Amino acid sequence: MANGTGGACAQLSAVADAVLYEGYLLYPYRRSSAKNRVRWQFGVLLPRNWVERDGPVTPGVSGSADSWYQQTECVLRVRDADAAVRVRVRYLQLQHKQVEAADGDGAHRPVASLRTADGTAHLSFEEAVPRETEVVLPVEELLRGGRTVAVGAPAGTEYEPLPAGAGRTVRRRREVRAGTTVTAERLGPGLCRLRVRTENTAEAPDPRASRSAVLGQALLATHTLLTGDAVEFVSLIDPPAALAEQVRGCRNAFTFPVLGGTPPESASGDGATGTLLLSAPIILPDHPQVAPESPGDLHDAAEIDEILTLRTMLLTDEEKAEARATDPRAARILDRVDTMPREVFSRLHGAIRSLTPRTPVGERPPAPAAGRPAWWQEGGDDGLSPATDTVLVDGVPVGGGSRVRLCPRGRGADAQDMFLAGRTARVAAVFHDVDGSRHLAVTVDDDPAAELHGWYGRFHYFRPDEVEPLGPAAPPGPGRPIRPQSPRPPERPADGPEKGRFDGRP
């Protein structure tokens, strides 16, 4: 791989694989499980005439979660006249697995399940085949109009006999028609905006058919990996200040581009750039990573490996047999869990990613640094009152009851918080972290569930420099109760050692 990015590409490919199979098959990995009867939720590109049967789809406005296209735009620094971009479009193609029983006269009939003489169960189910198309394109060609490449997949049928002539398994795939167009526009010397647009070019025979009827023509879990020669991608989450306006001009539809690989140790602090980019249908931070403790895919990337592993171990023999018959990938998960060494399992219990040295046994911990609350000591939180404490923001004391405008910073801000930029909110409490930092717990003004969130103590959290005071501090208003007797740290800190870590499975 060019520019010495081979290891980084492998690391990013692991994240991309987690995206590819996220939700493919969920615990308990059985066909009969309700959660495995409604599948294919991310990055689904369906025929346009089916998607727009009730009118055009507008990202963020249309009520449909599906689309017929996916568009990625990013700002590209070009360091050489011979620079090129490598584009990899990846997705799953639906494959229907039909079990057929032998009738004895050479004919077969479809069945939902079949048990062969050796006791093995075989189930009809929907599988998926990974597809990938890679193309390398000179930047100069992209600036002259670009290129469109076919990224579809052919139809196919495969037959697999079952033991002792009991029947057969038939796997059928419908043709997927799709194309990816890559273009670029010059923004200035050595700078351009890259666009990658993937479209489903098929037509549904019946636009009024059910979603399940047209999934065979769809691209599933569609995403794009980008790298290249003599090019550098600019972060859309944390761009350099000088390129913020160019980044704001990027239009991404049904996808979320982030930098890949390991963050550079020599980062200047003035925005992020990198040589890899992953444009996925789910929100990730820059430089996402699969947790090194994770021994393999579980297809439940938003869950915790230890919990899933323990639950999988507790499946009955009958449930495990059904899971194995449901899908080969489910069988591999069960095999890995059943044979997992104790030392591998122990690593799933938790990991501390902190630069703070551990105190040796028998020694007293060092005294806290000046200005740092010693919460790890008994009584360390004495004198702190989240409901009444205030913090100065632009010379204004802000605390419980204050109204603020949310201004999440690009650098280090949570991707979900960026959607709240410019919204007004009411502060419920001021929380102190063990490192001396403070976070404002807020409820968004036009959130219909704000009162309920306040009652349960579930808030959005922002740093003081991410809000703009809208008036002096005020006591909590009626109907917005908070629970100062049980302060808790932010569930999603605005910053910290865990920031930016994608645990994959997790």
Protein backbone atom coordinates (compact mmCIF):
# COMPACT_ATOMS: atom_id res chain seq x y z
CA MET A 1 0.00 0.00 0.00
CA ALA A 2 1.33 3.43 -0.92
CA ASN A 3 2.74 5.87 1.60
CA GLY A 4 3.45 3.11 4.10
CA THR A 5 -0.19 2.89 5.11
CA GLY A 6 -0.53 -0.89 4.80
CA GLY A 7 -0.88 -1.49 8.56
CA ALA A 8 -3.24 1.45 8.96
CA CYS A 9 -5.35 0.15 6.05
CA ALA A 10 -5.58 -3.25 7.71
CA GLN A 11 -6.66 -1.58 10.96
CA LEU A 12 -9.29 0.46 9.17
CA SER A 13 -10.47 -2.59 7.22
CA ALA A 14 -11.20 -4.29 10.54
CA VAL A 15 -13.47 -1.38 11.47
CA ALA A 16 -15.01 -1.46 8.00
CA ASP A 17 -15.76 -5.17 8.43
CA ALA A 18 -17.50 -4.39 11.71
CA VAL A 19 -19.60 -1.84 9.80
CA LEU A 20 -20.25 -4.35 7.01
CA TYR A 21 -21.66 -6.97 9.37
CA GLU A 22 -23.16 -4.71 12.06
CA GLY A 23 -26.61 -6.15 12.72
CA TYR A 24 -26.08 -8.96 10.19
CA LEU A 25 -27.20 -11.50 12.79
CA LEU A 26 -27.89 -10.57 16.40
CA TYR A 27 -27.74 -12.52 19.64
CA PRO A 28 -29.06 -15.19 20.19
CA TYR A 29 -28.14 -15.77 16.50
CA ARG A 30 -31.21 -17.93 15.84
CA ARG A 31 -33.64 -17.66 12.95
CA SER A 32 -36.59 -17.83 15.36
CA SER A 33 -35.41 -14.76 17.29
CA ALA A 34 -37.69 -11.76 16.62
CA LYS A 35 -34.74 -9.40 16.18
CA ASN A 36 -33.42 -11.56 13.32
CA ARG A 37 -36.67 -11.37 11.34
CA VAL A 38 -36.22 -7.69 10.47
CA ARG A 39 -32.70 -7.20 9.15
CA TRP A 40 -30.58 -4.99 6.87
CA GLN A 41 -30.89 -1.59 8.54
CA PHE A 42 -27.69 0.26 7.59
CA GLY A 43 -26.48 1.60 4.27
CA VAL A 44 -29.29 0.03 2.23
CA LEU A 45 -29.42 1.34 -1.36
CA LEU A 46 -32.63 0.23 -3.08
CA PRO A 47 -33.93 0.81 -6.63
CA ARG A 48 -34.80 4.47 -7.13
CA ASN A 49 -38.34 3.89 -8.42
CA TRP A 50 -39.13 1.94 -5.23
CA VAL A 51 -37.60 4.54 -2.87
CA GLU A 52 -39.32 7.47 -4.61
CA ARG A 53 -42.71 5.87 -5.09
CA ASP A 54 -44.14 8.51 -2.76
CA GLY A 55 -41.86 11.35 -3.89
CA PRO A 56 -38.15 12.25 -3.89
CA VAL A 57 -36.05 11.46 -0.83
CA THR A 58 -34.34 14.36 0.94
CA PRO A 59 -31.62 13.49 3.50
CA GLY A 60 -32.71 14.48 7.00
CA VAL A 61 -36.21 15.42 5.80
CA SER A 62 -37.72 12.34 4.19
CA GLY A 63 -39.42 9.83 6.41
CA SER A 64 -37.65 6.95 4.67
CA ALA A 65 -34.47 5.54 6.18
CA ASP A 66 -33.52 3.98 2.83
CA SER A 67 -32.12 5.67 -0.23
CA TRP A 68 -31.14 4.83 -3.79
CA TYR A 69 -27.79 6.63 -3.55
CA GLN A 70 -25.01 7.46 -1.13
CA GLN A 71 -22.76 10.49 -1.52
CA THR A 72 -19.43 11.30 0.11
CA GLU A 73 -17.69 14.66 -0.20
CA CYS A 74 -14.43 15.62 1.46
CA VAL A 75 -11.61 18.10 1.07
CA LEU A 76 -8.39 16.72 -0.36
CA ARG A 77 -4.88 18.12 -0.18
CA VAL A 78 -2.88 17.20 -3.28
CA ARG A 79 0.89 17.10 -2.89
CA ASP A 80 1.98 15.99 -6.37
CA ALA A 81 0.93 16.32 -10.00
CA ASP A 82 0.78 12.53 -10.26
CA ALA A 83 -1.47 12.15 -7.20
CA ALA A 84 -4.14 9.45 -7.36
CA VAL A 85 -7.08 8.36 -5.23
CA ARG A 86 -7.87 4.73 -4.46
CA VAL A 87 -11.61 4.11 -3.97
CA ARG A 88 -13.02 0.87 -2.53
CA VAL A 89 -16.81 0.47 -2.53
CA ARG A 90 -17.99 -2.35 -0.27
CA TYR A 91 -21.42 -3.82 0.45
CA LEU A 92 -23.34 -7.06 1.00
CA GLN A 93 -25.43 -8.78 -1.67
CA LEU A 94 -28.48 -10.60 -0.36
CA GLN A 95 -28.52 -14.36 -0.86
CA HIS A 96 -31.55 -16.51 -0.15
CA LYS A 97 -30.75 -19.96 1.22
CA GLN A 98 -33.59 -22.38 0.48
CA VAL A 99 -33.59 -25.91 1.87
CA GLU A 100 -35.32 -28.43 -0.40
CA ALA A 101 -36.32 -31.95 0.56
CA ALA A 102 -35.95 -34.82 -1.92
CA ASP A 103 -39.26 -36.38 -3.01
CA GLY A 104 -37.72 -39.69 -4.04
CA ASP A 105 -38.36 -39.37 -7.78
CA GLY A 106 -35.59 -36.88 -8.44
CA ALA A 107 -37.73 -33.84 -7.66
CA HIS A 108 -37.34 -31.45 -4.72
CA ARG A 109 -39.76 -29.33 -2.73
CA PRO A 110 -38.90 -26.24 -0.66
CA VAL A 111 -39.17 -26.62 3.12
CA ALA A 112 -38.50 -24.28 6.04
CA SER A 113 -36.25 -26.82 7.76
CA LEU A 114 -34.90 -30.32 7.29
CA ARG A 115 -33.05 -32.67 9.61
CA THR A 116 -30.73 -35.18 7.99
CA ALA A 117 -29.99 -38.72 9.20
CA ASP A 118 -26.91 -37.57 11.14
CA GLY A 119 -29.15 -35.29 13.24
CA THR A 120 -27.97 -32.04 11.67
CA ALA A 121 -30.66 -29.40 11.14
CA HIS A 122 -30.75 -27.29 7.98
CA LEU A 123 -32.82 -24.08 7.88
CA SER A 124 -33.93 -21.80 5.06
CA PHE A 125 -32.66 -18.29 5.73
CA GLU A 126 -31.30 -15.10 4.17
CA GLU A 127 -27.52 -14.84 3.96
CA ALA A 128 -25.31 -12.21 2.34
CA VAL A 129 -22.20 -12.22 0.17
CA PRO A 130 -19.56 -9.47 0.58
CA ARG A 131 -18.80 -7.48 -2.57
CA GLU A 132 -15.99 -5.03 -3.18
CA THR A 133 -14.86 -2.95 -6.15
CA GLU A 134 -11.60 -1.01 -6.13
CA VAL A 135 -10.45 1.59 -8.62
CA VAL A 136 -7.41 3.87 -8.70
CA LEU A 137 -8.01 7.25 -10.34
CA PRO A 138 -5.53 10.09 -11.06
CA VAL A 139 -6.63 13.35 -9.45
CA GLU A 140 -6.10 15.15 -12.75
CA GLU A 141 -8.66 12.86 -14.41
CA LEU A 142 -11.14 13.55 -11.61
CA LEU A 143 -10.72 17.29 -12.09
CA ARG A 144 -11.44 16.87 -15.81
CA GLY A 145 -14.82 15.22 -15.22
CA GLY A 146 -14.11 12.02 -13.35
CA ARG A 147 -15.13 8.49 -14.07
CA THR A 148 -18.07 6.17 -13.45
CA VAL A 149 -17.38 2.50 -12.67
CA ALA A 150 -19.79 -0.42 -12.31
CA VAL A 151 -19.92 -1.78 -8.77
CA GLY A 152 -22.86 -4.19 -9.15
CA ALA A 153 -22.88 -7.96 -8.77
CA PRO A 154 -24.30 -10.67 -11.06
CA ALA A 155 -27.21 -12.97 -10.31
CA GLY A 156 -26.34 -16.53 -9.39
CA THR A 157 -27.64 -19.89 -8.23
CA GLU A 158 -25.67 -22.56 -6.38
CA TYR A 159 -26.72 -26.07 -5.41
CA GLU A 160 -25.32 -28.03 -2.48
CA PRO A 161 -26.46 -31.64 -1.89
CA LEU A 162 -27.34 -32.72 1.63
CA PRO A 163 -26.03 -36.01 3.10
CA ALA A 164 -27.59 -39.35 2.13
CA GLY A 165 -29.70 -37.82 -0.62
CA ALA A 166 -32.00 -36.11 1.89
CA GLY A 167 -32.28 -33.04 -0.29
CA ARG A 168 -30.28 -30.00 -1.22
CA THR A 169 -29.60 -26.40 -0.33
CA VAL A 170 -30.17 -23.84 -3.08
CA ARG A 171 -28.63 -20.38 -2.80
CA ARG A 172 -30.03 -17.74 -5.12
CA ARG A 173 -28.88 -14.16 -5.72
CA ARG A 174 -30.59 -11.51 -7.81
CA GLU A 175 -28.57 -9.13 -9.94
CA VAL A 176 -27.45 -5.92 -8.24
CA ARG A 177 -27.02 -3.00 -10.63
CA ALA A 178 -25.01 -0.08 -9.32
CA GLY A 179 -22.42 2.47 -10.33
CA THR A 180 -20.00 4.76 -8.52
CA THR A 181 -19.05 8.15 -9.95
CA VAL A 182 -15.89 9.84 -8.67
CA THR A 183 -15.23 13.51 -9.48
CA ALA A 184 -13.29 16.43 -8.04
CA GLU A 185 -13.41 20.21 -8.19
CA ARG A 186 -10.44 22.51 -7.62
CA LEU A 187 -10.71 24.76 -4.55
CA GLY A 188 -7.28 26.35 -4.79
CA PRO A 189 -3.62 25.47 -5.31
CA GLY A 190 -3.07 21.91 -4.09
CA LEU A 191 -6.63 21.70 -2.78
CA CYS A 192 -9.78 20.11 -4.17
CA ARG A 193 -13.14 18.71 -3.11
CA LEU A 194 -13.61 15.01 -3.84
CA ARG A 195 -17.03 13.50 -4.48
CA VAL A 196 -17.84 9.78 -4.47
CA ARG A 197 -21.44 8.96 -5.35
CA THR A 198 -22.74 5.38 -5.44
CA GLU A 199 -26.18 4.76 -6.96
CA ASN A 200 -28.46 1.77 -7.30
CA THR A 201 -29.29 1.87 -11.03
CA ALA A 202 -31.82 -0.98 -11.06
CA GLU A 203 -35.59 -0.66 -11.37
CA ALA A 204 -37.97 -2.56 -9.14
CA PRO A 205 -40.48 -4.56 -11.23
CA ASP A 206 -43.20 -3.47 -8.82
CA PRO A 207 -42.55 -0.14 -7.03
CA ARG A 208 -45.41 -0.94 -4.65
CA ALA A 209 -43.92 -4.25 -3.56
CA SER A 210 -42.84 -4.76 0.05
CA ARG A 211 -39.33 -3.83 1.15
CA SER A 212 -38.40 -7.48 1.59
CA ALA A 213 -39.39 -8.14 -2.02
CA VAL A 214 -36.82 -5.66 -3.40
CA LEU A 215 -33.94 -6.26 -0.96
CA GLY A 216 -32.50 -8.78 -3.40
CA GLN A 217 -31.72 -5.85 -5.74
CA ALA A 218 -30.17 -3.72 -2.98
CA LEU A 219 -26.69 -2.88 -1.81
CA LEU A 220 -26.59 -3.61 1.93
CA ALA A 221 -24.29 -1.97 4.52
CA THR A 222 -22.78 0.14 1.75
CA HIS A 223 -19.65 2.09 2.64
CA THR A 224 -16.51 3.47 1.00
CA LEU A 225 -12.81 3.30 1.89
CA LEU A 226 -10.51 5.98 0.47
CA THR A 227 -6.74 6.28 0.36
CA GLY A 228 -4.28 7.27 -2.32
CA ASP A 229 -0.87 8.42 -3.45
CA ALA A 230 0.41 11.92 -2.60
CA VAL A 231 -2.96 12.96 -1.15
CA GLU A 232 -4.19 13.88 2.31
CA PHE A 233 -7.80 13.93 3.53
CA VAL A 234 -9.09 16.74 5.74
CA SER A 235 -11.22 15.80 8.74
CA LEU A 236 -14.87 16.83 8.45
CA ILE A 237 -15.19 16.64 12.24
CA ASP A 238 -12.07 18.56 13.17
CA PRO A 239 -10.78 20.48 10.13
CA PRO A 240 -7.87 22.94 10.25
CA ALA A 241 -9.21 26.44 10.86
CA ALA A 242 -7.97 27.61 7.47
CA LEU A 243 -10.08 24.95 5.73
CA ALA A 244 -13.25 25.16 7.85
CA GLU A 245 -15.19 27.00 5.15
CA GLN A 246 -14.24 24.48 2.46
CA VAL A 247 -15.30 21.63 4.73
CA ARG A 248 -18.66 23.28 5.42
CA GLY A 249 -19.25 23.21 1.69
CA CYS A 250 -19.12 19.40 1.60
CA ARG A 251 -22.47 17.65 1.16
CA ASN A 252 -22.69 14.11 2.48
CA ALA A 253 -25.87 12.10 2.05
CA PHE A 254 -26.67 8.86 3.91
CA THR A 255 -23.06 8.51 5.02
CA PHE A 256 -20.59 9.94 7.56
CA PRO A 257 -16.91 10.26 6.52
CA VAL A 258 -14.18 10.02 9.19
CA LEU A 259 -10.40 9.76 9.15
CA GLY A 260 -8.99 6.27 9.54
CA GLY A 261 -5.86 4.77 11.02
CA THR A 262 -4.06 5.75 14.22
CA PRO A 263 -4.04 9.45 15.17
CA PRO A 264 -0.62 10.98 14.48
CA GLU A 265 1.40 11.55 17.65
CA SER A 266 2.75 14.82 16.25
CA ALA A 267 -0.69 16.41 15.77
CA SER A 268 -0.34 20.19 15.78
CA GLY A 269 -3.71 20.79 17.46
CA ASP A 270 -4.91 22.92 14.55
CA GLY A 271 -7.26 20.42 12.95
CA ALA A 272 -6.83 16.89 11.72
CA THR A 273 -5.78 15.39 8.39
CA GLY A 274 -4.90 11.86 7.35
CA THR A 275 -4.16 9.48 4.51
CA LEU A 276 -7.19 7.23 5.05
CA LEU A 277 -10.90 7.91 5.11
CA LEU A 278 -13.89 5.68 5.91
CA SER A 279 -17.32 6.84 4.80
CA ALA A 280 -19.83 4.69 6.68
CA PRO A 281 -23.62 4.68 7.09
CA ILE A 282 -23.24 4.94 10.88
CA ILE A 283 -21.69 7.73 12.94
CA LEU A 284 -18.10 7.09 14.03
CA PRO A 285 -15.34 9.34 15.41
CA ASP A 286 -12.16 10.12 13.55
CA HIS A 287 -9.65 7.26 13.79
CA PRO A 288 -12.10 4.55 14.93
CA GLN A 289 -10.55 1.34 16.21
CA VAL A 290 -11.67 -2.14 17.14
CA ALA A 291 -10.75 -2.85 20.76
CA PRO A 292 -7.60 -5.01 20.83
CA GLU A 293 -9.23 -7.23 23.48
CA SER A 294 -12.02 -8.26 21.11
CA PRO A 295 -11.32 -11.81 19.86
CA GLY A 296 -13.63 -11.64 16.86
CA ASP A 297 -16.86 -10.48 15.27
CA LEU A 298 -20.16 -10.86 17.12
CA HIS A 299 -22.20 -8.66 14.72
CA ASP A 300 -23.46 -6.69 17.77
CA ALA A 301 -20.91 -3.88 17.58
CA ALA A 302 -22.90 -1.63 19.92
CA GLU A 303 -22.90 -4.27 22.66
CA ILE A 304 -20.24 -5.54 25.07
CA ASP A 305 -18.19 -8.62 24.22
CA GLU A 306 -18.17 -10.02 27.75
CA ILE A 307 -21.96 -9.86 28.13
CA LEU A 308 -22.59 -11.37 24.69
CA THR A 309 -20.04 -14.10 25.30
CA LEU A 310 -21.55 -15.03 28.66
CA ARG A 311 -25.06 -15.07 27.23
CA THR A 312 -23.95 -17.16 24.27
CA MET A 313 -22.35 -19.66 26.65
CA LEU A 314 -25.72 -19.99 28.42
CA LEU A 315 -27.65 -20.95 25.29
CA THR A 316 -29.15 -24.42 25.52
CA ASP A 317 -27.93 -27.21 23.26
CA GLU A 318 -31.15 -26.89 21.25
CA GLU A 319 -30.67 -23.12 20.84
CA LYS A 320 -27.06 -23.59 19.76
CA ALA A 321 -28.11 -26.21 17.24
CA GLU A 322 -30.65 -23.81 15.74
CA ALA A 323 -28.08 -21.01 15.60
CA ARG A 324 -25.60 -23.27 13.82
CA ALA A 325 -28.26 -24.25 11.32
CA THR A 326 -29.27 -20.62 10.79
CA ASP A 327 -26.02 -19.29 9.35
CA PRO A 328 -22.36 -20.38 8.99
CA ARG A 329 -21.20 -17.14 10.62
CA ALA A 330 -23.35 -17.89 13.66
CA ALA A 331 -21.73 -21.34 13.83
CA ARG A 332 -18.27 -19.74 13.83
CA ILE A 333 -19.29 -17.43 16.69
CA LEU A 334 -20.44 -20.42 18.74
CA ASP A 335 -17.24 -22.33 17.98
CA ARG A 336 -15.12 -19.39 19.10
CA VAL A 337 -17.10 -18.88 22.31
CA ASP A 338 -17.13 -22.59 23.18
CA THR A 339 -13.35 -22.87 22.74
CA MET A 340 -12.30 -19.48 24.11
CA PRO A 341 -9.24 -19.80 26.38
CA ARG A 342 -9.63 -18.49 29.92
CA GLU A 343 -6.96 -15.83 29.44
CA VAL A 344 -8.78 -14.46 26.37
CA PHE A 345 -12.09 -14.35 28.21
CA SER A 346 -10.52 -12.57 31.21
CA ARG A 347 -9.38 -9.74 28.92
CA LEU A 348 -13.03 -9.04 28.03
CA HIS A 349 -13.85 -8.05 31.60
CA GLY A 350 -12.55 -4.52 31.11
CA ALA A 351 -9.63 -2.35 30.14
CA ILE A 352 -8.27 0.87 31.58
CA ARG A 353 -6.84 3.19 28.96
CA SER A 354 -5.16 5.81 31.09
CA LEU A 355 -1.69 7.29 31.43
CA THR A 356 -2.04 7.55 35.21
CA PRO A 357 0.44 5.09 36.82
CA ARG A 358 -0.92 2.42 39.14
CA THR A 359 0.04 2.72 42.81
CA PRO A 360 2.03 -0.37 43.93
CA VAL A 361 0.49 -2.53 46.64
CA GLY A 362 1.43 -1.30 50.11
CA GLU A 363 2.20 2.26 49.03
CA ARG A 364 0.01 5.29 49.63
CA PRO A 365 -1.36 7.02 46.53
CA PRO A 366 0.30 10.35 45.67
CA ALA A 367 -1.39 13.53 46.83
CA PRO A 368 -3.74 14.99 44.23
CA ALA A 369 -2.39 17.81 42.10
CA ALA A 370 -3.43 21.32 43.07
CA GLY A 371 -6.98 22.06 42.01
CA ARG A 372 -7.90 18.43 41.41
CA PRO A 373 -10.77 16.93 43.47
CA ALA A 374 -9.64 13.75 45.24
CA TRP A 375 -12.79 11.78 44.44
CA TRP A 376 -10.94 8.50 44.75
CA GLN A 377 -10.65 9.19 48.48
CA GLU A 378 -13.49 8.93 50.96
CA GLY A 379 -15.18 12.30 51.33
CA GLY A 380 -13.50 13.64 48.21
CA ASP A 381 -16.80 15.04 46.92
CA ASP A 382 -17.63 16.96 50.09
CA GLY A 383 -18.60 20.53 49.31
CA LEU A 384 -19.65 19.80 45.73
CA SER A 385 -23.30 20.45 44.85
CA PRO A 386 -24.17 19.86 41.18
CA ALA A 387 -27.57 21.53 41.56
CA THR A 388 -26.22 24.81 42.97
CA ASP A 389 -22.60 25.01 41.82
CA THR A 390 -21.84 27.52 39.06
CA VAL A 391 -19.05 28.05 36.56
CA LEU A 392 -18.07 31.32 34.89
CA VAL A 393 -18.71 31.44 31.13
CA ASP A 394 -17.74 34.73 29.49
CA GLY A 395 -17.95 36.37 32.91
CA VAL A 396 -21.47 35.06 33.57
CA PRO A 397 -22.08 32.52 36.36
CA VAL A 398 -23.82 29.54 34.78
CA GLY A 399 -25.48 26.86 36.87
CA GLY A 400 -28.72 25.01 37.47
CA GLY A 401 -31.57 26.88 35.76
CA SER A 402 -29.37 28.93 33.40
CA ARG A 403 -30.35 29.10 29.75
CA VAL A 404 -27.57 28.67 27.20
CA ARG A 405 -26.99 28.29 23.49
CA LEU A 406 -25.09 25.13 22.54
CA CYS A 407 -21.88 25.68 20.54
CA PRO A 408 -20.03 22.33 20.40
CA ARG A 409 -16.44 22.74 19.29
CA GLY A 410 -15.29 20.88 16.21
CA ARG A 411 -12.17 19.52 17.86
CA GLY A 412 -13.00 16.78 20.36
CA ALA A 413 -16.77 17.26 20.12
CA ASP A 414 -19.01 14.23 20.07
CA ALA A 415 -20.53 13.68 16.62
CA GLN A 416 -24.03 13.49 18.12
CA ASP A 417 -23.53 16.83 19.87
CA MET A 418 -22.80 18.52 16.56
CA PHE A 419 -26.46 18.05 15.61
CA LEU A 420 -27.40 20.30 18.54
CA ALA A 421 -25.26 23.24 17.43
CA GLY A 422 -27.20 26.50 17.75
CA ARG A 423 -30.01 25.00 19.84
CA THR A 424 -30.97 26.55 23.17
CA ALA A 425 -30.99 24.53 26.37
CA ARG A 426 -31.43 24.79 30.14
CA VAL A 427 -28.64 23.80 32.52
CA ALA A 428 -29.68 21.24 35.13
CA ALA A 429 -26.41 20.79 37.01
CA VAL A 430 -22.66 21.35 37.06
CA PHE A 431 -20.64 18.16 37.43
CA HIS A 432 -17.00 17.94 38.45
CA ASP A 433 -14.71 15.33 36.95
CA VAL A 434 -11.81 13.63 38.74
CA ASP A 435 -9.32 15.51 36.54
CA GLY A 436 -10.65 18.87 37.68
CA SER A 437 -12.71 19.59 34.57
CA ARG A 438 -16.39 20.51 34.71
CA HIS A 439 -19.35 19.54 32.55
CA LEU A 440 -22.73 21.17 32.20
CA ALA A 441 -25.70 18.80 32.18
CA VAL A 442 -28.40 20.30 29.95
CA THR A 443 -31.81 19.54 28.49
CA VAL A 444 -32.65 20.90 25.04
CA ASP A 445 -35.49 23.44 25.10
CA ASP A 446 -37.61 21.99 22.29
CA ASP A 447 -37.11 18.37 23.29
CA PRO A 448 -40.61 17.01 24.12
CA ALA A 449 -39.01 14.55 26.54
CA ALA A 450 -36.94 17.18 28.37
CA GLU A 451 -38.98 16.94 31.57
CA LEU A 452 -38.74 13.16 31.56
CA HIS A 453 -34.97 13.31 30.96
CA GLY A 454 -34.64 15.73 33.86
CA TRP A 455 -36.63 13.45 36.16
CA TYR A 456 -34.45 10.43 35.36
CA GLY A 457 -31.22 12.42 35.39
CA ARG A 458 -30.35 11.76 31.76
CA PHE A 459 -28.80 14.80 30.08
CA HIS A 460 -26.60 16.03 27.28
CA TYR A 461 -23.17 17.10 28.56
CA PHE A 462 -21.10 20.04 27.33
CA ARG A 463 -17.93 21.75 28.47
CA PRO A 464 -18.30 25.35 29.68
CA ASP A 465 -16.48 26.58 26.55
CA GLU A 466 -19.15 24.88 24.40
CA VAL A 467 -22.06 27.03 25.58
CA GLU A 468 -23.04 30.69 25.28
CA PRO A 469 -24.95 32.19 28.22
CA LEU A 470 -28.36 33.61 27.36
CA GLY A 471 -28.87 35.34 30.70
CA PRO A 472 -27.86 35.28 34.38
CA ALA A 473 -28.02 32.08 36.41
CA ALA A 474 -31.47 31.20 37.71
CA PRO A 475 -32.87 28.55 40.05
CA PRO A 476 -34.33 25.43 38.45
CA GLY A 477 -37.77 26.15 37.04
CA PRO A 478 -40.92 24.30 38.07
CA GLY A 479 -41.59 21.03 36.33
CA ARG A 480 -37.87 20.37 35.73
CA PRO A 481 -36.82 18.40 38.81
CA ILE A 482 -33.23 17.26 39.19
CA ARG A 483 -31.68 14.88 41.64
CA PRO A 484 -28.73 16.63 43.31
CA GLN A 485 -28.51 13.94 45.95
CA SER A 486 -27.04 11.47 43.46
CA PRO A 487 -24.49 13.24 41.26
CA ARG A 488 -23.10 11.11 38.47
CA PRO A 489 -20.34 11.66 35.96
CA PRO A 490 -21.34 12.27 32.34
CA GLU A 491 -22.45 9.14 30.54
CA ARG A 492 -20.73 10.45 27.42
CA PRO A 493 -17.88 12.75 28.52
CA ALA A 494 -17.09 15.72 26.35
CA ASP A 495 -13.45 14.74 26.46
CA GLY A 496 -11.23 12.19 28.15
CA PRO A 497 -8.96 9.19 27.61
CA GLU A 498 -11.83 7.17 26.08
CA LYS A 499 -12.67 9.88 23.55
CA GLY A 500 -12.56 8.71 19.96
CA ARG A 501 -12.25 5.00 20.77
CA PHE A 502 -14.52 2.72 18.77
CA ASP A 503 -14.57 -0.64 20.44
CA GLY A 504 -16.06 -2.43 17.47
CA ARG A 505 -17.61 -5.34 19.39
CA PRO A 506 -16.82 -3.02 21.67
